[in-house]
Amino acid sequence: MLGYHLAFLVLVVGTTAFFSALSFLNVRYGERALEREQEWVTSRLDFDDLDRVAAYQQATTRLSQVQTWVTLALVLAALYSGALGAVVDALEGLGYGPVVTGVGFFAGVLVALQLLSLPFDAYATFVIEERFDFNEQTPALFVKDLVLGTLVGVVITAALAAGVLWFVDVVPTYWPLAAVALYVAFSLAMLVVYPRVIAPLFNDFEPIETGDLREAVERVFERAGFTCDGIYLMDASKRSSHSNAYFVGFGRTKRVVLFDTLVDQMTLEQVEAVLAHELAHWKRAHIWKQFGVGTLRVGAMFVALWALLQTSWLYAMFGLPETAYVGLAVGALWIQPLAKLTRPLENKLSLAHEREADAFAIEVMGSGQPLIDGLCRLTSENLSNPFPHPWYATFHYTHPPIPDRIRYIQGLDGESPESTDPAVADGA
């Protein structure tokens, strides 16, 4: 049994240490690159204070790592102190059966994690985001989001846990197949339910029916051969000045959502270019390709969990009863590090799709400059790190770093490599 404990700690603690080191390495790398490429960053990205960019990256990284290690420490303490075993014994003593008991267990875990993250979320919102002029959220809205988010999370967790645990009980040999089918059905349903039921609980969505913005969006749709009646402006500014846009749904349920901060920060032409890029993910079937890859990934995880549930050492390690929900919970702790370490495989596909989307946006707009300007504005407004460490980008980035994207777009736009500022090539 000692060997299993050593393997578990090396895998869980070692992986966490690896990614923590990578995060701090990324911050240092970005700071040095900002200093080295100061002239290019100032002129191209319009950063007026490079120290502010570096400080924001430092602050968010430090908080994230403290939260990660505190969470890990508490999880390991619960396992090795016997606290988890005591909780499971108490739940089993209620006599509600494996499915109902398991649903209560996972709902309780979610609530516990929400409470654990509360001080970190509050610090991030009212200290870090406030310090860097991003926060627009009031304490009352923060509490409302916390309560609503927890309730929604509990409902979703309970539904999925009930389904998976029922499959384990009814079809113990083939439950991973049934669980994957549940995942697919749930994901497709959420494409419809989220924008119409869940998202309106947190934000107001105003239909954009007339005006310059509506005309700009329709121009992009016409050039791209895309139809969508639902175009909405979301009041993101009541929480933060960060900006974004997204598409959701499929078929007749498609809708475009623009953050009001995005519209305020960009010109109409830049908004058009960003929309054209996002449209490409639908036109080129990127959404479905990545959904397929994600389904395979989830399927592999369920198969791994199925194999772990067949063992006795998984439960014996921490003196836990051999019941499905316990096996799924402890098994997930084994699988999560492996999932993180294999993330570059999935990221590689996403990076290829992002380049295809950039090329599509150039085709739609007739020029790459609006897209470049829009991406630079997003980077500047969000104080993003334009120069991530290559290793960090490999594990975390689903989009190419901004200097790489600029060079790629300029190349597609007919500009020779020599016309690209050499500082960008050196700093990327």
Protein backbone atom coordinates (compact mmCIF):
# COMPACT_ATOMS: atom_id res chain seq x y z
CA MET A 1 0.00 0.00 0.00
CA LEU A 2 2.95 2.33 0.60
CA GLY A 3 3.74 2.20 -3.11
CA TYR A 4 0.26 3.41 -4.00
CA HIS A 5 0.58 6.32 -1.57
CA LEU A 6 3.95 7.32 -2.99
CA ALA A 7 2.63 7.13 -6.54
CA PHE A 8 -0.46 9.16 -5.59
CA LEU A 9 1.52 11.92 -3.87
CA VAL A 10 4.11 12.10 -6.63
CA LEU A 11 1.37 12.35 -9.24
CA VAL A 12 -0.86 14.85 -7.45
CA VAL A 13 1.69 16.99 -5.60
CA GLY A 14 4.33 16.67 -8.31
CA THR A 15 1.96 17.77 -11.07
CA THR A 16 0.75 20.70 -8.99
CA ALA A 17 4.34 21.74 -8.29
CA PHE A 18 5.18 21.47 -12.00
CA PHE A 19 2.34 23.75 -13.04
CA SER A 20 3.05 26.19 -10.22
CA ALA A 21 6.67 26.47 -11.31
CA LEU A 22 5.51 26.93 -14.88
CA SER A 23 3.15 29.74 -13.82
CA PHE A 24 5.86 31.71 -12.05
CA LEU A 25 8.29 31.04 -14.88
CA ASN A 26 5.69 32.43 -17.25
CA VAL A 27 5.37 35.64 -15.23
CA ARG A 28 9.13 36.22 -15.17
CA TYR A 29 9.45 35.43 -18.86
CA GLY A 30 6.66 37.86 -19.69
CA GLU A 31 8.20 40.65 -17.60
CA ARG A 32 11.56 40.30 -19.31
CA ALA A 33 9.95 40.20 -22.74
CA LEU A 34 7.94 43.34 -21.98
CA GLU A 35 11.14 45.16 -21.05
CA ARG A 36 12.98 43.86 -24.10
CA GLU A 37 10.15 44.67 -26.51
CA GLN A 38 9.03 47.89 -24.84
CA GLU A 39 9.02 49.94 -28.02
CA TRP A 40 6.94 47.43 -29.98
CA VAL A 41 4.51 46.80 -27.12
CA THR A 42 3.96 50.50 -26.53
CA SER A 43 3.36 51.31 -30.19
CA ARG A 44 1.44 48.20 -31.27
CA LEU A 45 -0.54 47.24 -28.15
CA ASP A 46 -0.90 50.77 -26.76
CA PHE A 47 0.22 49.72 -23.28
CA ASP A 48 0.84 53.00 -21.48
CA ASP A 49 2.26 51.40 -18.32
CA LEU A 50 4.21 48.16 -18.69
CA ASP A 51 4.73 47.90 -14.93
CA ARG A 52 0.95 47.76 -14.54
CA VAL A 53 0.72 44.85 -16.96
CA ALA A 54 3.45 42.94 -15.12
CA ALA A 55 1.94 43.73 -11.73
CA TYR A 56 -1.48 42.43 -12.79
CA GLN A 57 0.03 39.18 -14.02
CA GLN A 58 1.99 38.81 -10.77
CA ALA A 59 -1.04 39.47 -8.57
CA THR A 60 -3.41 37.09 -10.37
CA THR A 61 -0.77 34.34 -10.58
CA ARG A 62 0.13 34.56 -6.89
CA LEU A 63 -3.51 34.40 -5.80
CA SER A 64 -4.22 31.50 -8.13
CA GLN A 65 -1.29 29.51 -6.81
CA VAL A 66 -2.13 30.18 -3.16
CA GLN A 67 -5.67 28.97 -3.80
CA THR A 68 -4.40 25.88 -5.62
CA TRP A 69 -2.07 24.85 -2.79
CA VAL A 70 -4.55 25.61 -0.01
CA THR A 71 -7.18 23.51 -1.79
CA LEU A 72 -4.73 20.65 -2.34
CA ALA A 73 -3.59 20.78 1.29
CA LEU A 74 -7.16 20.55 2.57
CA VAL A 75 -8.02 17.70 0.20
CA LEU A 76 -4.97 15.71 1.32
CA ALA A 77 -5.76 16.50 4.96
CA ALA A 78 -9.31 15.22 4.51
CA LEU A 79 -8.00 12.02 2.96
CA TYR A 80 -5.15 11.25 5.35
CA SER A 81 -6.78 12.44 8.57
CA GLY A 82 -9.79 10.19 8.10
CA ALA A 83 -12.19 13.14 7.85
CA LEU A 84 -13.46 12.02 4.45
CA GLY A 85 -13.98 8.51 5.78
CA ALA A 86 -16.00 9.86 8.70
CA VAL A 87 -18.22 11.88 6.35
CA VAL A 88 -18.79 8.87 4.10
CA ASP A 89 -19.61 6.65 7.09
CA ALA A 90 -22.15 9.21 8.29
CA LEU A 91 -23.77 9.40 4.85
CA GLU A 92 -23.85 5.63 4.49
CA GLY A 93 -25.53 5.38 7.90
CA LEU A 94 -28.52 7.32 6.58
CA GLY A 95 -29.46 4.33 4.44
CA TYR A 96 -30.62 6.15 1.30
CA GLY A 97 -28.82 3.89 -1.14
CA PRO A 98 -25.80 4.48 -3.39
CA VAL A 99 -27.44 6.85 -5.90
CA VAL A 100 -29.16 9.25 -3.50
CA THR A 101 -26.23 9.14 -1.08
CA GLY A 102 -23.79 9.79 -3.91
CA VAL A 103 -25.80 12.75 -5.17
CA GLY A 104 -25.74 14.24 -1.67
CA PHE A 105 -22.02 13.61 -1.42
CA PHE A 106 -21.13 15.35 -4.70
CA ALA A 107 -23.51 18.24 -3.98
CA GLY A 108 -21.81 18.65 -0.60
CA VAL A 109 -18.37 18.58 -2.21
CA LEU A 110 -19.44 21.34 -4.61
CA VAL A 111 -20.76 23.52 -1.80
CA ALA A 112 -17.58 22.93 0.23
CA LEU A 113 -15.41 23.94 -2.72
CA GLN A 114 -17.54 27.06 -3.27
CA LEU A 115 -17.09 28.07 0.34
CA LEU A 116 -13.38 27.37 0.13
CA SER A 117 -13.02 29.57 -2.94
CA LEU A 118 -15.12 32.39 -1.45
CA PRO A 119 -12.29 34.33 0.24
CA PHE A 120 -10.10 33.97 -2.84
CA ASP A 121 -12.87 35.11 -5.17
CA ALA A 122 -13.65 38.06 -2.91
CA TYR A 123 -9.98 39.05 -2.78
CA ALA A 124 -9.66 38.73 -6.55
CA THR A 125 -12.74 40.88 -7.12
CA PHE A 126 -12.49 43.56 -4.46
CA VAL A 127 -8.71 43.82 -4.11
CA ILE A 128 -6.93 42.79 -7.31
CA GLU A 129 -9.58 43.70 -9.88
CA GLU A 130 -10.36 46.88 -7.94
CA ARG A 131 -6.70 47.86 -7.81
CA PHE A 132 -6.39 47.55 -11.58
CA ASP A 133 -9.68 49.34 -12.31
CA PHE A 134 -11.51 46.28 -13.63
CA ASN A 135 -14.06 45.71 -10.89
CA GLU A 136 -17.55 47.17 -11.21
CA GLN A 137 -19.27 44.63 -8.97
CA THR A 138 -20.98 45.58 -5.72
CA PRO A 139 -20.85 43.33 -2.64
CA ALA A 140 -24.58 42.68 -3.00
CA LEU A 141 -24.16 41.52 -6.59
CA PHE A 142 -21.18 39.38 -5.57
CA VAL A 143 -23.30 37.59 -2.95
CA LYS A 144 -26.17 37.19 -5.39
CA ASP A 145 -23.84 35.61 -7.96
CA LEU A 146 -22.41 33.32 -5.31
CA VAL A 147 -25.81 32.08 -4.16
CA LEU A 148 -27.25 31.68 -7.66
CA GLY A 149 -24.08 30.10 -9.00
CA THR A 150 -24.00 27.60 -6.16
CA LEU A 151 -27.67 26.69 -6.60
CA VAL A 152 -27.28 26.22 -10.35
CA GLY A 153 -24.12 24.21 -9.78
CA VAL A 154 -25.80 21.97 -7.23
CA VAL A 155 -28.74 21.28 -9.57
CA ILE A 156 -26.45 20.41 -12.49
CA THR A 157 -24.10 18.36 -10.33
CA ALA A 158 -26.98 16.45 -8.76
CA ALA A 159 -28.50 15.64 -12.17
CA LEU A 160 -25.23 14.43 -13.69
CA ALA A 161 -24.19 12.53 -10.57
CA ALA A 162 -27.58 10.82 -10.37
CA GLY A 163 -27.33 9.73 -13.99
CA VAL A 164 -23.79 8.38 -13.76
CA LEU A 165 -24.33 6.62 -10.44
CA TRP A 166 -27.54 5.05 -11.71
CA PHE A 167 -25.68 3.75 -14.76
CA VAL A 168 -22.95 2.31 -12.53
CA ASP A 169 -25.61 0.51 -10.50
CA VAL A 170 -27.71 -0.76 -13.42
CA VAL A 171 -25.08 -1.48 -16.10
CA PRO A 172 -21.82 -1.86 -14.15
CA THR A 173 -19.92 -3.28 -17.13
CA TYR A 174 -20.93 -0.73 -19.75
CA TRP A 175 -21.64 2.35 -17.66
CA PRO A 176 -18.86 4.44 -19.30
CA LEU A 177 -20.73 4.26 -22.63
CA ALA A 178 -23.96 5.35 -20.98
CA ALA A 179 -22.12 8.15 -19.13
CA VAL A 180 -20.63 9.43 -22.38
CA ALA A 181 -24.10 9.45 -23.94
CA LEU A 182 -25.33 11.44 -20.95
CA TYR A 183 -22.44 13.88 -21.39
CA VAL A 184 -23.30 14.39 -25.07
CA ALA A 185 -27.01 14.89 -24.37
CA PHE A 186 -26.31 17.26 -21.50
CA SER A 187 -23.80 19.33 -23.52
CA LEU A 188 -26.20 19.70 -26.44
CA ALA A 189 -29.05 20.61 -24.11
CA MET A 190 -26.93 23.26 -22.41
CA LEU A 191 -26.34 24.98 -25.76
CA VAL A 192 -30.06 25.72 -25.71
CA VAL A 193 -30.76 25.99 -21.98
CA TYR A 194 -27.78 28.13 -20.94
CA PRO A 195 -28.51 31.26 -23.00
CA ARG A 196 -32.25 31.15 -22.35
CA VAL A 197 -32.48 30.02 -18.74
CA ILE A 198 -29.16 30.21 -16.89
CA ALA A 199 -27.39 33.25 -18.37
CA PRO A 200 -30.40 35.60 -17.81
CA LEU A 201 -30.19 34.81 -14.08
CA PHE A 202 -26.90 36.71 -13.98
CA ASN A 203 -27.06 39.28 -16.79
CA ASP A 204 -29.50 41.30 -18.86
CA PHE A 205 -29.50 40.69 -22.61
CA GLU A 206 -30.83 43.49 -24.78
CA PRO A 207 -31.70 42.60 -28.38
CA ILE A 208 -29.82 44.70 -30.93
CA GLU A 209 -32.51 45.41 -33.50
CA THR A 210 -31.51 48.72 -35.07
CA GLY A 211 -28.61 51.13 -35.34
CA ASP A 212 -25.02 51.11 -36.53
CA LEU A 213 -24.06 48.10 -34.43
CA ARG A 214 -26.86 45.96 -35.87
CA GLU A 215 -25.90 47.02 -39.38
CA ALA A 216 -22.24 46.20 -38.72
CA VAL A 217 -23.11 42.72 -37.46
CA GLU A 218 -25.41 42.05 -40.39
CA ARG A 219 -22.68 43.12 -42.82
CA VAL A 220 -20.40 40.47 -41.36
CA PHE A 221 -23.16 37.86 -41.51
CA GLU A 222 -23.86 38.65 -45.16
CA ARG A 223 -20.19 38.41 -46.17
CA ALA A 224 -19.73 35.20 -44.22
CA GLY A 225 -22.92 33.58 -45.49
CA PHE A 226 -24.26 33.25 -41.95
CA THR A 227 -27.77 33.77 -40.60
CA CYS A 228 -28.72 34.53 -37.01
CA ASP A 229 -31.72 36.49 -35.76
CA GLY A 230 -30.65 36.66 -32.13
CA ILE A 231 -28.07 39.41 -31.59
CA TYR A 232 -27.76 40.62 -28.00
CA LEU A 233 -25.81 43.14 -25.96
CA MET A 234 -24.91 41.86 -22.48
CA ASP A 235 -24.45 44.20 -19.52
CA ALA A 236 -21.00 42.83 -18.60
CA SER A 237 -19.97 46.28 -17.35
CA LYS A 238 -21.96 45.86 -14.15
CA ARG A 239 -19.32 43.37 -13.01
CA SER A 240 -16.10 44.14 -14.83
CA SER A 241 -14.52 46.21 -17.58
CA HIS A 242 -13.06 43.07 -19.17
CA SER A 243 -14.46 42.54 -22.66
CA ASN A 244 -15.45 39.59 -24.81
CA ALA A 245 -18.04 38.18 -27.23
CA TYR A 246 -19.43 34.72 -27.81
CA PHE A 247 -21.78 32.59 -29.88
CA VAL A 248 -23.96 29.88 -28.42
CA GLY A 249 -26.61 27.46 -29.60
CA PHE A 250 -27.15 25.67 -32.90
CA GLY A 251 -29.74 25.65 -35.65
CA ARG A 252 -32.54 28.06 -34.88
CA THR A 253 -31.28 28.52 -31.34
CA LYS A 254 -28.06 30.32 -32.40
CA ARG A 255 -27.41 33.68 -30.82
CA VAL A 256 -24.62 36.24 -30.79
CA VAL A 257 -23.74 37.93 -27.51
CA LEU A 258 -21.56 41.03 -27.38
CA PHE A 259 -20.27 42.41 -24.08
CA ASP A 260 -21.17 46.08 -23.77
CA THR A 261 -17.56 46.65 -22.72
CA LEU A 262 -16.38 45.23 -26.07
CA VAL A 263 -18.62 47.60 -28.00
CA ASP A 264 -17.45 50.55 -25.92
CA GLN A 265 -13.75 49.73 -26.31
CA MET A 266 -13.62 48.93 -30.04
CA THR A 267 -14.49 50.59 -33.30
CA LEU A 268 -17.30 49.05 -35.35
CA GLU A 269 -14.78 47.69 -37.85
CA GLN A 270 -12.83 45.98 -35.08
CA VAL A 271 -16.04 44.48 -33.69
CA GLU A 272 -16.84 43.19 -37.18
CA ALA A 273 -13.41 41.55 -37.45
CA VAL A 274 -13.73 39.85 -34.06
CA LEU A 275 -17.21 38.59 -35.01
CA ALA A 276 -15.92 37.31 -38.34
CA HIS A 277 -13.25 35.33 -36.49
CA GLU A 278 -15.84 33.81 -34.16
CA LEU A 279 -18.16 33.01 -37.05
CA ALA A 280 -15.41 30.91 -38.61
CA HIS A 281 -15.66 28.44 -35.76
CA TRP A 282 -19.19 27.66 -36.94
CA LYS A 283 -18.55 27.90 -40.67
CA ARG A 284 -15.51 25.60 -40.45
CA ALA A 285 -17.24 23.21 -38.02
CA HIS A 286 -14.60 23.85 -35.34
CA ILE A 287 -17.25 23.74 -32.64
CA TRP A 288 -18.31 20.22 -33.58
CA LYS A 289 -14.77 18.98 -34.17
CA GLN A 290 -13.69 20.14 -30.73
CA PHE A 291 -16.89 18.76 -29.26
CA GLY A 292 -16.00 15.39 -30.78
CA VAL A 293 -12.47 15.51 -29.39
CA GLY A 294 -13.80 16.58 -26.01
CA THR A 295 -16.23 13.67 -26.03
CA LEU A 296 -13.40 11.24 -26.74
CA ARG A 297 -11.43 12.79 -23.90
CA VAL A 298 -14.36 12.45 -21.49
CA GLY A 299 -14.88 8.89 -22.68
CA ALA A 300 -11.25 8.03 -21.95
CA MET A 301 -11.63 9.48 -18.45
CA PHE A 302 -14.75 7.41 -17.79
CA VAL A 303 -12.97 4.26 -18.97
CA ALA A 304 -10.08 5.03 -16.63
CA LEU A 305 -12.53 5.56 -13.78
CA TRP A 306 -14.27 2.29 -14.65
CA ALA A 307 -10.92 0.47 -14.36
CA LEU A 308 -10.13 2.16 -11.05
CA LEU A 309 -13.54 1.26 -9.61
CA GLN A 310 -12.74 -2.41 -10.17
CA THR A 311 -9.75 -2.27 -7.81
CA SER A 312 -9.78 -2.66 -4.04
CA TRP A 313 -6.63 -0.62 -3.28
CA LEU A 314 -8.33 2.60 -4.43
CA TYR A 315 -10.63 2.38 -1.40
CA ALA A 316 -8.21 0.69 0.97
CA MET A 317 -5.68 3.53 0.62
CA PHE A 318 -7.83 5.77 2.81
CA GLY A 319 -10.01 3.20 4.55
CA LEU A 320 -13.10 4.04 2.52
CA PRO A 321 -16.07 1.80 1.75
CA GLU A 322 -16.20 0.32 -1.74
CA THR A 323 -19.11 2.33 -3.07
CA ALA A 324 -19.30 3.95 -6.49
CA TYR A 325 -19.42 7.61 -5.54
CA VAL A 326 -16.34 7.21 -3.33
CA GLY A 327 -14.48 5.46 -6.14
CA LEU A 328 -15.43 8.19 -8.62
CA ALA A 329 -14.29 10.95 -6.26
CA VAL A 330 -10.95 9.39 -5.32
CA GLY A 331 -10.40 8.13 -8.86
CA ALA A 332 -10.86 11.65 -10.20
CA LEU A 333 -7.93 12.76 -8.02
CA TRP A 334 -5.75 10.24 -9.85
CA ILE A 335 -7.01 11.18 -13.30
CA GLN A 336 -7.01 14.98 -13.04
CA PRO A 337 -3.20 15.36 -13.16
CA LEU A 338 -3.02 13.07 -16.19
CA ALA A 339 -5.73 15.11 -17.91
CA LYS A 340 -3.76 18.31 -17.31
CA LEU A 341 -0.53 16.77 -18.58
CA THR A 342 -2.19 15.67 -21.82
CA ARG A 343 -3.87 19.02 -22.41
CA PRO A 344 -1.34 20.04 -25.15
CA LEU A 345 -2.85 17.42 -27.46
CA GLU A 346 -6.22 19.16 -27.34
CA ASN A 347 -4.66 22.62 -27.41
CA LYS A 348 -2.86 21.77 -30.65
CA LEU A 349 -6.18 21.27 -32.42
CA SER A 350 -7.53 24.51 -30.99
CA LEU A 351 -4.47 26.44 -32.17
CA ALA A 352 -4.98 25.13 -35.70
CA HIS A 353 -8.63 26.18 -35.57
CA GLU A 354 -7.73 29.66 -34.37
CA ARG A 355 -5.42 30.15 -37.34
CA GLU A 356 -8.17 28.99 -39.69
CA ALA A 357 -10.55 31.44 -38.03
CA ASP A 358 -8.08 34.30 -38.44
CA ALA A 359 -7.74 33.44 -42.14
CA PHE A 360 -11.53 33.39 -42.49
CA ALA A 361 -11.82 36.80 -40.83
CA ILE A 362 -9.33 38.25 -43.29
CA GLU A 363 -11.35 36.81 -46.16
CA VAL A 364 -14.57 38.28 -44.80
CA MET A 365 -13.12 41.71 -43.97
CA GLY A 366 -10.91 41.99 -47.03
CA SER A 367 -7.98 42.96 -44.82
CA GLY A 368 -6.24 41.68 -41.73
CA GLN A 369 -5.68 45.08 -40.15
CA PRO A 370 -9.08 45.39 -38.42
CA LEU A 371 -8.56 41.99 -36.80
CA ILE A 372 -5.03 42.89 -35.71
CA ASP A 373 -6.28 46.16 -34.24
CA GLY A 374 -9.13 44.38 -32.46
CA LEU A 375 -6.86 41.70 -30.97
CA CYS A 376 -4.38 44.34 -29.83
CA ARG A 377 -7.19 46.29 -28.20
CA LEU A 378 -8.41 43.18 -26.36
CA THR A 379 -4.89 42.46 -25.15
CA SER A 380 -4.40 46.02 -23.98
CA GLU A 381 -7.79 46.46 -22.29
CA ASN A 382 -7.51 43.12 -20.44
CA LEU A 383 -3.84 43.62 -19.44
CA SER A 384 -3.05 40.24 -20.99
CA ASN A 385 0.47 38.87 -21.15
CA PRO A 386 1.51 39.14 -24.81
CA PHE A 387 4.64 37.03 -24.29
CA PRO A 388 3.83 33.75 -22.49
CA HIS A 389 6.61 31.29 -21.85
CA PRO A 390 6.55 28.64 -24.64
CA TRP A 391 6.10 25.78 -22.15
CA TYR A 392 3.31 27.60 -20.34
CA ALA A 393 1.60 28.34 -23.65
CA THR A 394 1.88 24.67 -24.63
CA PHE A 395 -0.14 23.55 -21.61
CA HIS A 396 -2.51 26.49 -21.19
CA TYR A 397 -3.01 28.41 -24.44
CA THR A 398 -5.81 27.51 -26.82
CA HIS A 399 -5.03 30.66 -28.89
CA PRO A 400 -1.66 31.61 -30.36
CA PRO A 401 0.14 34.41 -28.46
CA ILE A 402 -0.64 37.83 -29.89
CA PRO A 403 2.76 38.41 -31.61
CA ASP A 404 2.43 35.06 -33.40
CA ARG A 405 -1.08 35.95 -34.52
CA ILE A 406 -0.01 39.33 -35.81
CA ARG A 407 2.80 37.78 -37.89
CA TYR A 408 0.46 35.09 -39.21
CA ILE A 409 -2.28 37.57 -40.14
CA GLN A 410 0.18 39.90 -41.81
CA GLY A 411 1.57 37.00 -43.81
CA LEU A 412 -1.90 36.02 -45.02
CA ASP A 413 -2.67 39.64 -45.73
CA GLY A 414 0.13 39.77 -48.29
CA GLU A 415 2.80 41.47 -46.21
CA SER A 416 6.29 40.06 -46.52
CA PRO A 417 8.06 38.72 -43.40
CA GLU A 418 10.50 41.62 -43.61
CA SER A 419 7.65 44.10 -43.08
CA THR A 420 6.91 42.62 -39.68
CA ASP A 421 8.70 44.43 -36.89
CA PRO A 422 11.67 42.22 -35.98
CA ALA A 423 11.06 43.00 -32.31
CA VAL A 424 7.92 40.91 -32.49
CA ALA A 425 9.79 37.91 -33.83
CA ASP A 426 12.47 38.23 -31.16
CA GLY A 427 10.00 38.59 -28.33
CA ALA A 428 7.46 35.92 -29.19
